[in-house]
Amino acid sequence: MHYIMTVFWSVLLVSMLNYVVSSVQNVEFIFMDGIFMSIPVAILVLIIAAIIPDEPTAKAQH
């Protein structure tokens, strides 16, 4: 479920960004370009999530 939601939000957010940028630049909006750009973004997010540790850090003794 974690992977499905990551891909879903990646597609949604990158497509929205693609729409806004294409509107600002006054070019044609192509939905499939957003899909193709969202795949590397989802992979990058999953890699970053795997690198970051889940356990809390230890409190420093002063």
PDB file of N, CA and C in Angstrom:
ATOM      1  N   MET A   1       0.827  -1.190   0.000  1.00  0.00           N
ATOM      2  CA  MET A   1       0.000   0.000   0.000  1.00  0.00           C
ATOM      3  C   MET A   1       0.874   1.257   0.000  1.00  0.00           C
ATOM      4  N   HIS A   2       2.018   1.157   0.683  1.00  0.00           N
ATOM      5  CA  HIS A   2       2.934   2.291   0.761  1.00  0.00           C
ATOM      6  C   HIS A   2       3.424   2.688  -0.634  1.00  0.00           C
ATOM      7  N   TYR A   3       3.752   1.702  -1.439  1.00  0.00           N
ATOM      8  CA  TYR A   3       4.260   1.968  -2.786  1.00  0.00           C
ATOM      9  C   TYR A   3       3.159   2.515  -3.698  1.00  0.00           C
ATOM     10  N   ILE A   4       1.966   1.989  -3.566  1.00  0.00           N
ATOM     11  CA  ILE A   4       0.842   2.442  -4.392  1.00  0.00           C
ATOM     12  C   ILE A   4       0.524   3.902  -4.105  1.00  0.00           C
ATOM     13  N   MET A   5       0.487   4.272  -2.831  1.00  0.00           N
ATOM     14  CA  MET A   5       0.177   5.661  -2.483  1.00  0.00           C
ATOM     15  C   MET A   5       1.309   6.603  -2.874  1.00  0.00           C
ATOM     16  N   THR A   6       2.543   6.139  -2.810  1.00  0.00           N
ATOM     17  CA  THR A   6       3.665   6.966  -3.247  1.00  0.00           C
ATOM     18  C   THR A   6       3.559   7.253  -4.734  1.00  0.00           C
ATOM     19  N   VAL A   7       3.249   6.244  -5.520  1.00  0.00           N
ATOM     20  CA  VAL A   7       3.098   6.442  -6.964  1.00  0.00           C
ATOM     21  C   VAL A   7       1.879   7.323  -7.249  1.00  0.00           C
ATOM     22  N   PHE A   8       0.782   7.117  -6.529  1.00  0.00           N
ATOM     23  CA  PHE A   8      -0.423   7.925  -6.726  1.00  0.00           C
ATOM     24  C   PHE A   8      -0.146   9.406  -6.478  1.00  0.00           C
ATOM     25  N   TRP A   9       0.466   9.728  -5.329  1.00  0.00           N
ATOM     26  CA  TRP A   9       0.732  11.125  -5.011  1.00  0.00           C
ATOM     27  C   TRP A   9       1.790  11.722  -5.933  1.00  0.00           C
ATOM     28  N   SER A  10       2.726  10.917  -6.346  1.00  0.00           N
ATOM     29  CA  SER A  10       3.736  11.388  -7.289  1.00  0.00           C
ATOM     30  C   SER A  10       3.083  11.767  -8.614  1.00  0.00           C
ATOM     31  N   VAL A  11       2.210  10.914  -9.114  1.00  0.00           N
ATOM     32  CA  VAL A  11       1.512  11.209 -10.372  1.00  0.00           C
ATOM     33  C   VAL A  11       0.649  12.455 -10.216  1.00  0.00           C
ATOM     34  N   LEU A  12      -0.057  12.549  -9.126  1.00  0.00           N
ATOM     35  CA  LEU A  12      -0.949  13.686  -8.903  1.00  0.00           C
ATOM     36  C   LEU A  12      -0.179  15.005  -8.817  1.00  0.00           C
ATOM     37  N   LEU A  13       0.862  15.038  -8.006  1.00  0.00           N
ATOM     38  CA  LEU A  13       1.595  16.281  -7.797  1.00  0.00           C
ATOM     39  C   LEU A  13       2.426  16.693  -9.010  1.00  0.00           C
ATOM     40  N   VAL A  14       3.062  15.732  -9.670  1.00  0.00           N
ATOM     41  CA  VAL A  14       3.864  16.066 -10.847  1.00  0.00           C
ATOM     42  C   VAL A  14       2.965  16.480 -12.010  1.00  0.00           C
ATOM     43  N   SER A  15       1.816  15.853 -12.161  1.00  0.00           N
ATOM     44  CA  SER A  15       0.881  16.259 -13.215  1.00  0.00           C
ATOM     45  C   SER A  15       0.343  17.662 -12.949  1.00  0.00           C
ATOM     46  N   MET A  16       0.073  17.974 -11.685  1.00  0.00           N
ATOM     47  CA  MET A  16      -0.373  19.321 -11.344  1.00  0.00           C
ATOM     48  C   MET A  16       0.717  20.343 -11.648  1.00  0.00           C
ATOM     49  N   LEU A  17       1.949  20.022 -11.299  1.00  0.00           N
ATOM     50  CA  LEU A  17       3.059  20.910 -11.601  1.00  0.00           C
ATOM     51  C   LEU A  17       3.237  21.065 -13.110  1.00  0.00           C
ATOM     52  N   ASN A  18       3.107  19.977 -13.842  1.00  0.00           N
ATOM     53  CA  ASN A  18       3.192  20.013 -15.295  1.00  0.00           C
ATOM     54  C   ASN A  18       2.099  20.913 -15.882  1.00  0.00           C
ATOM     55  N   TYR A  19       0.888  20.831 -15.363  1.00  0.00           N
ATOM     56  CA  TYR A  19      -0.217  21.667 -15.831  1.00  0.00           C
ATOM     57  C   TYR A  19       0.038  23.148 -15.569  1.00  0.00           C
ATOM     58  N   VAL A  20       0.489  23.461 -14.374  1.00  0.00           N
ATOM     59  CA  VAL A  20       0.733  24.866 -14.024  1.00  0.00           C
ATOM     60  C   VAL A  20       1.854  25.447 -14.867  1.00  0.00           C
ATOM     61  N   VAL A  21       2.944  24.713 -15.021  1.00  0.00           N
ATOM     62  CA  VAL A  21       4.076  25.218 -15.804  1.00  0.00           C
ATOM     63  C   VAL A  21       3.697  25.363 -17.270  1.00  0.00           C
ATOM     64  N   SER A  22       2.946  24.417 -17.808  1.00  0.00           N
ATOM     65  CA  SER A  22       2.542  24.537 -19.208  1.00  0.00           C
ATOM     66  C   SER A  22       1.577  25.704 -19.403  1.00  0.00           C
ATOM     67  N   SER A  23       0.742  25.986 -18.412  1.00  0.00           N
ATOM     68  CA  SER A  23      -0.153  27.140 -18.517  1.00  0.00           C
ATOM     69  C   SER A  23       0.609  28.455 -18.441  1.00  0.00           C
ATOM     70  N   VAL A  24       1.586  28.528 -17.571  1.00  0.00           N
ATOM     71  CA  VAL A  24       2.369  29.751 -17.430  1.00  0.00           C
ATOM     72  C   VAL A  24       3.186  30.016 -18.695  1.00  0.00           C
ATOM     73  N   GLN A  25       3.738  28.943 -19.280  1.00  0.00           N
ATOM     74  CA  GLN A  25       4.560  29.106 -20.478  1.00  0.00           C
ATOM     75  C   GLN A  25       3.729  29.142 -21.756  1.00  0.00           C
ATOM     76  N   ASN A  26       2.419  28.980 -21.632  1.00  0.00           N
ATOM     77  CA  ASN A  26       1.495  29.026 -22.764  1.00  0.00           C
ATOM     78  C   ASN A  26       1.847  27.971 -23.812  1.00  0.00           C
ATOM     79  N   VAL A  27       2.066  26.725 -23.356  1.00  0.00           N
ATOM     80  CA  VAL A  27       2.303  25.594 -24.247  1.00  0.00           C
ATOM     81  C   VAL A  27       1.224  24.543 -23.982  1.00  0.00           C
ATOM     82  N   GLU A  28       1.147  23.560 -24.855  1.00  0.00           N
ATOM     83  CA  GLU A  28       0.133  22.527 -24.747  1.00  0.00           C
ATOM     84  C   GLU A  28       0.406  21.617 -23.546  1.00  0.00           C
ATOM     85  N   PHE A  29      -0.649  21.318 -22.796  1.00  0.00           N
ATOM     86  CA  PHE A  29      -0.546  20.401 -21.664  1.00  0.00           C
ATOM     87  C   PHE A  29      -0.697  18.976 -22.172  1.00  0.00           C
ATOM     88  N   ILE A  30       0.295  18.145 -21.889  1.00  0.00           N
ATOM     89  CA  ILE A  30       0.271  16.736 -22.282  1.00  0.00           C
ATOM     90  C   ILE A  30       0.324  15.909 -21.001  1.00  0.00           C
ATOM     91  N   PHE A  31      -0.769  15.202 -20.720  1.00  0.00           N
ATOM     92  CA  PHE A  31      -0.884  14.447 -19.468  1.00  0.00           C
ATOM     93  C   PHE A  31       0.170  13.356 -19.353  1.00  0.00           C
ATOM     94  N   MET A  32       0.500  12.694 -20.447  1.00  0.00           N
ATOM     95  CA  MET A  32       1.452  11.584 -20.403  1.00  0.00           C
ATOM     96  C   MET A  32       2.854  12.055 -20.019  1.00  0.00           C
ATOM     97  N   ASP A  33       3.201  13.287 -20.319  1.00  0.00           N
ATOM     98  CA  ASP A  33       4.501  13.807 -19.875  1.00  0.00           C
ATOM     99  C   ASP A  33       4.582  13.846 -18.354  1.00  0.00           C
ATOM    100  N   GLY A  34       3.480  14.192 -17.712  1.00  0.00           N
ATOM    101  CA  GLY A  34       3.437  14.178 -16.251  1.00  0.00           C
ATOM    102  C   GLY A  34       3.577  12.777 -15.692  1.00  0.00           C
ATOM    103  N   ILE A  35       2.980  11.817 -16.364  1.00  0.00           N
ATOM    104  CA  ILE A  35       3.101  10.416 -15.933  1.00  0.00           C
ATOM    105  C   ILE A  35       4.551   9.953 -16.050  1.00  0.00           C
ATOM    106  N   PHE A  36       5.176  10.266 -17.192  1.00  0.00           N
ATOM    107  CA  PHE A  36       6.559   9.840 -17.408  1.00  0.00           C
ATOM    108  C   PHE A  36       7.526  10.517 -16.441  1.00  0.00           C
ATOM    109  N   MET A  37       7.265  11.764 -16.070  1.00  0.00           N
ATOM    110  CA  MET A  37       8.137  12.466 -15.135  1.00  0.00           C
ATOM    111  C   MET A  37       7.899  12.011 -13.694  1.00  0.00           C
ATOM    112  N   SER A  38       6.711  11.506 -13.393  1.00  0.00           N
ATOM    113  CA  SER A  38       6.412  11.121 -12.013  1.00  0.00           C
ATOM    114  C   SER A  38       7.056   9.796 -11.617  1.00  0.00           C
ATOM    115  N   ILE A  39       7.387   8.957 -12.569  1.00  0.00           N
ATOM    116  CA  ILE A  39       8.001   7.666 -12.239  1.00  0.00           C
ATOM    117  C   ILE A  39       9.372   7.846 -11.583  1.00  0.00           C
ATOM    118  N   PRO A  40      10.294   8.653 -12.161  1.00  0.00           N
ATOM    119  CA  PRO A  40      11.568   8.864 -11.451  1.00  0.00           C
ATOM    120  C   PRO A  40      11.394   9.577 -10.110  1.00  0.00           C
ATOM    121  N   VAL A  41      10.394  10.452 -10.013  1.00  0.00           N
ATOM    122  CA  VAL A  41      10.161  11.143  -8.743  1.00  0.00           C
ATOM    123  C   VAL A  41       9.726  10.139  -7.669  1.00  0.00           C
ATOM    124  N   ALA A  42       8.851   9.228  -8.030  1.00  0.00           N
ATOM    125  CA  ALA A  42       8.403   8.207  -7.067  1.00  0.00           C
ATOM    126  C   ALA A  42       9.559   7.314  -6.647  1.00  0.00           C
ATOM    127  N   ILE A  43      10.400   6.929  -7.597  1.00  0.00           N
ATOM    128  CA  ILE A  43      11.560   6.095  -7.265  1.00  0.00           C
ATOM    129  C   ILE A  43      12.509   6.842  -6.338  1.00  0.00           C
ATOM    130  N   LEU A  44      12.730   8.118  -6.620  1.00  0.00           N
ATOM    131  CA  LEU A  44      13.607   8.928  -5.769  1.00  0.00           C
ATOM    132  C   LEU A  44      13.043   9.065  -4.353  1.00  0.00           C
ATOM    133  N   VAL A  45      11.750   9.264  -4.229  1.00  0.00           N
ATOM    134  CA  VAL A  45      11.123   9.361  -2.906  1.00  0.00           C
ATOM    135  C   VAL A  45      11.257   8.049  -2.146  1.00  0.00           C
ATOM    136  N   LEU A  46      11.074   6.928  -2.817  1.00  0.00           N
ATOM    137  CA  LEU A  46      11.209   5.630  -2.155  1.00  0.00           C
ATOM    138  C   LEU A  46      12.645   5.357  -1.731  1.00  0.00           C
ATOM    139  N   ILE A  47      13.613   5.774  -2.534  1.00  0.00           N
ATOM    140  CA  ILE A  47      15.016   5.610  -2.161  1.00  0.00           C
ATOM    141  C   ILE A  47      15.358   6.469  -0.943  1.00  0.00           C
ATOM    142  N   ILE A  48      14.900   7.712  -0.949  1.00  0.00           N
ATOM    143  CA  ILE A  48      15.162   8.598   0.189  1.00  0.00           C
ATOM    144  C   ILE A  48      14.503   8.050   1.452  1.00  0.00           C
ATOM    145  N   ALA A  49      13.291   7.505   1.338  1.00  0.00           N
ATOM    146  CA  ALA A  49      12.605   6.930   2.500  1.00  0.00           C
ATOM    147  C   ALA A  49      13.337   5.702   3.027  1.00  0.00           C
ATOM    148  N   ALA A  50      13.995   4.960   2.139  1.00  0.00           N
ATOM    149  CA  ALA A  50      14.745   3.781   2.585  1.00  0.00           C
ATOM    150  C   ALA A  50      16.050   4.170   3.267  1.00  0.00           C
ATOM    151  N   ILE A  51      16.623   5.299   2.902  1.00  0.00           N
ATOM    152  CA  ILE A  51      17.897   5.732   3.477  1.00  0.00           C
ATOM    153  C   ILE A  51      17.713   6.337   4.862  1.00  0.00           C
ATOM    154  N   ILE A  52      16.654   7.100   5.040  1.00  0.00           N
ATOM    155  CA  ILE A  52      16.420   7.785   6.313  1.00  0.00           C
ATOM    156  C   ILE A  52      16.044   6.763   7.387  1.00  0.00           C
ATOM    157  N   PRO A  53      16.709   6.790   8.549  1.00  0.00           N
ATOM    158  CA  PRO A  53      16.391   5.812   9.608  1.00  0.00           C
ATOM    159  C   PRO A  53      15.033   6.106  10.243  1.00  0.00           C
ATOM    160  N   ASP A  54      14.374   5.036  10.707  1.00  0.00           N
ATOM    161  CA  ASP A  54      13.059   5.175  11.318  1.00  0.00           C
ATOM    162  C   ASP A  54      13.110   5.368  12.832  1.00  0.00           C
ATOM    163  N   GLU A  55      14.178   4.933  13.460  1.00  0.00           N
ATOM    164  CA  GLU A  55      14.243   5.002  14.920  1.00  0.00           C
ATOM    165  C   GLU A  55      14.643   6.424  15.357  1.00  0.00           C
ATOM    166  N   PRO A  56      14.147   6.822  16.526  1.00  0.00           N
ATOM    167  CA  PRO A  56      14.483   8.164  17.035  1.00  0.00           C
ATOM    168  C   PRO A  56      15.955   8.241  17.452  1.00  0.00           C
ATOM    169  N   THR A  57      16.482   9.450  17.450  1.00  0.00           N
ATOM    170  CA  THR A  57      17.864   9.636  17.861  1.00  0.00           C
ATOM    171  C   THR A  57      17.954   9.626  19.383  1.00  0.00           C
ATOM    172  N   ALA A  58      19.082   9.237  19.881  1.00  0.00           N
ATOM    173  CA  ALA A  58      19.315   9.200  21.319  1.00  0.00           C
ATOM    174  C   ALA A  58      19.519  10.628  21.840  1.00  0.00           C
ATOM    175  N   LYS A  59      19.048  10.885  23.043  1.00  0.00           N
ATOM    176  CA  LYS A  59      19.233  12.204  23.634  1.00  0.00           C
ATOM    177  C   LYS A  59      20.675  12.341  24.115  1.00  0.00           C
ATOM    178  N   ALA A  60      21.218  13.500  23.842  1.00  0.00           N
ATOM    179  CA  ALA A  60      22.614  13.751  24.255  1.00  0.00           C
ATOM    180  C   ALA A  60      22.644  14.072  25.743  1.00  0.00           C
ATOM    181  N   GLN A  61      23.667  13.562  26.424  1.00  0.00           N
ATOM    182  CA  GLN A  61      23.867  13.847  27.849  1.00  0.00           C
ATOM    183  C   GLN A  61      24.772  15.071  27.988  1.00  0.00           C
ATOM    184  N   HIS A  62      24.303  16.075  28.690  1.00  0.00           N
ATOM    185  CA  HIS A  62      25.094  17.284  28.898  1.00  0.00           C
ATOM    186  C   HIS A  62      25.620  17.345  30.289  1.00  0.00           C
TER     187      HIS A  62
END
